[in-house]
Amino acid sequence: MSKKIGFTLAEVLITLGIIGVVAAMTMPVLIQKQTEKATVVALKKFYTNLDQAVKLNLLENSDDYNVNNIVKKMKTVKICLNGSEDNSCAMHDYKKFNGTSTIEFGKTDHYYDGYTYAVLNDGMIERMGNISDDCSYVRGTSPALQNVCGEVSVDVNGNKGPNRDGYDVFYFHITKFGVVPFGGINDSVNPFNSNNSYAAWVIYNGNMDYLHCDDLSWNGKTKCK
């Protein structure tokens, strides 16, 4: 007679339980990493498209950095002015990087008059505002940041959460020298790791590791590990 060897029901259940525990521990990490990679790709795409829109506008309108004209050079499905009751252009409230509520991106923000909101054809939502008609606003030490014309914010996944600075909401300067993401090495008003200053880090370093460790810097570590 042959002897058959197999697993008991108890052994199978224990094994499945262990696999379930390991999966529960690792899946959130894997999902977060994938979300961060998708955010990096989306933000770089927006940066490229915004820069192209600025250049296209200049070809047609020399020395024109008005954001209301720049937005017309982007592929949009809807454009609405600040204060619109249409939540598809912007949510009422957003969150700062530290998790506290803010209206700095939301549709009730009147920090600068005349903000224009747009829903792009890829679902992103951008907010654009003029700051200086003669591009003389100073936000840093580089030539570009001493000639700031306007400001652009983008929520890379539209109205989906978390609607939070540094997570899915990022900021850019419109300057006479091109588009400059917030938080670069020469940005003295919005230095890296403060307020809404994470766009430059994501674009130039290709990661969001500032979410996981607090000892990163432009002149030091650019990754947690």
Protein backbone atom coordinates (compact mmCIF):
# COMPACT_ATOMS: atom_id res chain seq x y z
CA MET A 1 0.00 0.00 0.00
CA SER A 2 1.29 3.48 -0.89
CA LYS A 3 1.42 6.16 1.74
CA LYS A 4 0.08 9.56 0.68
CA ILE A 5 1.54 12.66 2.28
CA GLY A 6 -0.43 15.92 2.46
CA PHE A 7 -1.29 18.93 4.59
CA THR A 8 -3.94 18.96 7.22
CA LEU A 9 -6.73 21.52 7.14
CA ALA A 10 -5.24 23.26 10.15
CA GLU A 11 -1.86 23.62 8.42
CA VAL A 12 -3.48 25.07 5.31
CA LEU A 13 -5.49 27.57 7.35
CA ILE A 14 -2.41 28.65 9.30
CA THR A 15 -0.45 29.16 6.08
CA LEU A 16 -3.26 31.19 4.53
CA GLY A 17 -3.47 33.25 7.69
CA ILE A 18 0.24 34.05 7.56
CA ILE A 19 -0.02 35.02 3.88
CA GLY A 20 -2.97 37.27 4.72
CA VAL A 21 -1.06 39.04 7.50
CA VAL A 22 1.98 39.60 5.28
CA ALA A 23 -0.24 40.91 2.47
CA ALA A 24 -2.05 43.27 4.85
CA MET A 25 1.29 44.67 5.97
CA THR A 26 2.87 45.07 2.54
CA MET A 27 -0.04 46.09 0.31
CA PRO A 28 -0.47 49.63 1.74
CA VAL A 29 3.24 50.27 1.22
CA LEU A 30 3.12 48.99 -2.36
CA ILE A 31 0.02 51.05 -3.12
CA GLN A 32 1.61 54.19 -1.68
CA LYS A 33 4.78 53.68 -3.73
CA GLN A 34 2.75 53.22 -6.89
CA THR A 35 0.69 56.33 -6.11
CA GLU A 36 3.86 58.36 -5.60
CA LYS A 37 5.33 57.13 -8.89
CA ALA A 38 2.12 58.09 -10.69
CA THR A 39 2.22 61.54 -9.07
CA VAL A 40 5.82 62.12 -10.18
CA VAL A 41 4.92 61.21 -13.77
CA ALA A 42 1.79 63.39 -13.74
CA LEU A 43 3.57 66.42 -12.29
CA LYS A 44 6.40 66.22 -14.84
CA LYS A 45 3.79 66.01 -17.61
CA PHE A 46 2.00 69.10 -16.28
CA TYR A 47 5.28 71.00 -15.96
CA THR A 48 6.11 70.26 -19.60
CA ASN A 49 2.63 71.22 -20.82
CA LEU A 50 2.61 74.46 -18.81
CA ASP A 51 6.04 75.45 -20.12
CA GLN A 52 4.89 74.79 -23.69
CA ALA A 53 1.75 76.88 -23.13
CA VAL A 54 3.83 79.83 -21.90
CA LYS A 55 6.10 79.58 -24.94
CA LEU A 56 3.18 79.29 -27.37
CA ASN A 57 1.56 82.36 -25.86
CA LEU A 58 4.80 84.32 -26.22
CA LEU A 59 5.03 83.38 -29.89
CA GLU A 60 1.64 84.98 -30.50
CA ASN A 61 1.84 87.72 -27.88
CA SER A 62 5.36 88.98 -27.25
CA ASP A 63 6.12 89.74 -23.59
CA ASP A 64 2.65 88.56 -22.53
CA TYR A 65 2.72 86.51 -19.33
CA ASN A 66 -0.94 86.99 -18.44
CA VAL A 67 -2.20 83.66 -17.11
CA ASN A 68 -5.65 84.18 -18.64
CA ASN A 69 -4.01 84.00 -22.06
CA ILE A 70 -1.61 81.20 -21.13
CA VAL A 71 -4.44 78.91 -20.00
CA LYS A 72 -6.03 79.19 -23.45
CA LYS A 73 -2.94 77.46 -24.87
CA MET A 74 -3.55 74.38 -22.74
CA LYS A 75 -5.91 71.51 -23.49
CA THR A 76 -8.89 72.22 -21.25
CA VAL A 77 -12.41 70.88 -20.94
CA LYS A 78 -13.62 73.67 -18.69
CA ILE A 79 -12.46 77.11 -17.57
CA CYS A 80 -14.11 78.99 -14.72
CA LEU A 81 -13.29 82.08 -12.71
CA ASN A 82 -12.69 82.26 -9.00
CA GLY A 83 -15.90 82.05 -6.96
CA SER A 84 -17.70 79.73 -9.36
CA GLU A 85 -20.22 77.44 -7.70
CA ASP A 86 -19.08 74.57 -9.92
CA ASN A 87 -17.05 72.19 -7.75
CA SER A 88 -15.58 70.46 -10.80
CA CYS A 89 -13.26 73.45 -11.19
CA ALA A 90 -12.07 73.51 -7.59
CA MET A 91 -13.10 72.19 -4.21
CA HIS A 92 -13.99 74.63 -1.45
CA ASP A 93 -11.18 73.60 0.87
CA TYR A 94 -7.77 71.99 0.64
CA LYS A 95 -5.14 70.98 3.16
CA LYS A 96 -1.68 72.29 3.83
CA PHE A 97 1.20 69.84 3.95
CA ASN A 98 0.81 69.49 7.71
CA GLY A 99 -2.84 68.48 7.30
CA THR A 100 -4.51 71.69 8.44
CA SER A 101 -7.30 73.13 6.29
CA THR A 102 -6.62 75.98 3.88
CA ILE A 103 -8.41 77.85 1.10
CA GLU A 104 -5.19 78.74 -0.72
CA PHE A 105 -6.03 76.39 -3.59
CA GLY A 106 -9.79 76.15 -3.09
CA LYS A 107 -12.26 78.18 -5.06
CA THR A 108 -12.94 80.62 -2.22
CA ASP A 109 -9.35 81.88 -2.30
CA HIS A 110 -9.17 85.62 -3.01
CA TYR A 111 -5.53 86.16 -2.06
CA TYR A 112 -4.99 87.53 -5.54
CA ASP A 113 -7.87 88.91 -7.59
CA GLY A 114 -8.70 87.23 -10.85
CA TYR A 115 -7.63 83.62 -10.32
CA THR A 116 -8.60 81.43 -13.24
CA TYR A 117 -9.40 77.75 -12.76
CA ALA A 118 -9.30 75.12 -15.47
CA VAL A 119 -10.06 71.43 -15.73
CA LEU A 120 -7.55 69.90 -18.13
CA ASN A 121 -8.36 67.12 -20.56
CA ASP A 122 -6.42 64.62 -18.43
CA GLY A 123 -8.51 65.44 -15.35
CA MET A 124 -5.98 67.67 -13.60
CA ILE A 125 -7.20 70.95 -12.12
CA GLU A 126 -5.05 74.05 -12.34
CA ARG A 127 -5.37 77.45 -10.73
CA MET A 128 -3.62 80.43 -12.29
CA GLY A 129 -3.19 83.94 -10.97
CA ASN A 130 -1.37 87.09 -12.09
CA ILE A 131 1.00 88.60 -9.53
CA SER A 132 2.89 91.38 -11.31
CA ASP A 133 1.99 93.01 -14.62
CA ASP A 134 5.62 93.93 -15.29
CA CYS A 135 7.01 90.65 -13.90
CA SER A 136 8.94 92.47 -11.17
CA TYR A 137 7.86 90.34 -8.20
CA VAL A 138 10.81 88.84 -6.31
CA ARG A 139 10.64 85.35 -4.77
CA GLY A 140 14.25 84.22 -4.81
CA THR A 141 17.86 84.84 -5.74
CA SER A 142 17.98 83.58 -9.34
CA PRO A 143 17.23 85.90 -12.30
CA ALA A 144 13.98 83.99 -12.91
CA LEU A 145 12.77 84.33 -9.33
CA GLN A 146 13.51 88.06 -9.40
CA ASN A 147 11.18 88.43 -12.37
CA VAL A 148 8.02 86.59 -11.31
CA CYS A 149 4.86 87.33 -13.28
CA GLY A 150 2.29 84.86 -11.96
CA GLU A 151 1.57 81.70 -10.04
CA VAL A 152 0.10 78.35 -11.02
CA SER A 153 -1.14 75.53 -8.82
CA VAL A 154 -2.17 72.07 -9.97
CA ASP A 155 -4.08 69.22 -8.38
CA VAL A 156 -2.71 66.30 -10.38
CA ASN A 157 -5.65 63.98 -9.66
CA GLY A 158 -8.44 66.52 -9.89
CA ASN A 159 -10.97 66.63 -7.09
CA LYS A 160 -9.97 63.22 -5.74
CA GLY A 161 -8.29 63.20 -2.35
CA PRO A 162 -6.22 63.96 -0.48
CA ASN A 163 -6.29 67.52 -1.98
CA ARG A 164 -3.19 68.34 0.02
CA ASP A 165 -0.01 70.34 -0.59
CA GLY A 166 2.94 68.10 -1.39
CA TYR A 167 0.72 65.07 -1.94
CA ASP A 168 -1.35 65.93 -5.02
CA VAL A 169 -1.26 69.75 -5.04
CA PHE A 170 1.85 71.56 -6.31
CA TYR A 171 2.85 75.14 -7.18
CA PHE A 172 4.81 76.90 -9.94
CA HIS A 173 6.10 80.40 -10.68
CA ILE A 174 5.51 81.97 -14.10
CA THR A 175 8.58 84.09 -14.77
CA LYS A 176 10.15 86.00 -17.66
CA PHE A 177 12.70 83.17 -17.79
CA GLY A 178 10.13 80.38 -17.97
CA VAL A 179 8.24 78.16 -15.55
CA VAL A 180 9.95 77.56 -12.19
CA PRO A 181 8.56 75.02 -9.68
CA PHE A 182 8.22 76.08 -6.06
CA GLY A 183 10.85 74.92 -3.58
CA GLY A 184 13.99 75.04 -5.71
CA ILE A 185 17.43 75.76 -4.32
CA ASN A 186 17.12 79.49 -5.14
CA ASP A 187 13.57 79.91 -3.85
CA SER A 188 13.83 82.07 -0.73
CA VAL A 189 10.11 82.78 -0.29
CA ASN A 190 9.06 79.15 -0.60
CA PRO A 191 12.14 77.08 0.32
CA PHE A 192 11.99 73.30 0.13
CA ASN A 193 10.16 71.54 2.96
CA SER A 194 8.05 74.55 3.90
CA ASN A 195 4.42 75.30 3.11
CA ASN A 196 3.64 74.46 -0.54
CA SER A 197 7.22 74.03 -1.74
CA TYR A 198 7.56 70.48 -3.07
CA ALA A 199 7.13 70.74 -6.85
CA ALA A 200 10.82 71.29 -7.59
CA TRP A 201 11.83 68.34 -5.45
CA VAL A 202 9.41 65.96 -7.18
CA ILE A 203 10.37 67.11 -10.67
CA TYR A 204 14.14 67.28 -10.30
CA ASN A 205 14.70 64.36 -7.91
CA GLY A 206 11.89 62.15 -9.19
CA ASN A 207 10.65 61.09 -5.77
CA MET A 208 8.39 62.07 -2.88
CA ASP A 209 10.68 60.81 -0.16
CA TYR A 210 10.06 63.94 1.90
CA LEU A 211 6.89 62.12 2.96
CA HIS A 212 8.98 59.46 4.66
CA CYS A 213 12.04 61.18 6.16
CA ASP A 214 12.78 64.72 7.30
CA ASP A 215 16.53 65.00 6.72
CA LEU A 216 16.50 65.65 2.96
CA SER A 217 18.04 68.76 1.40
CA TRP A 218 19.26 70.10 -1.92
CA ASN A 219 22.85 69.96 -0.71
CA GLY A 220 22.56 66.65 1.14
CA LYS A 221 20.40 63.55 0.94
CA THR A 222 17.95 63.38 -1.96
CA LYS A 223 16.49 60.00 -0.97
CA CYS A 224 15.58 58.40 2.33
CA LYS A 225 17.78 55.40 1.58
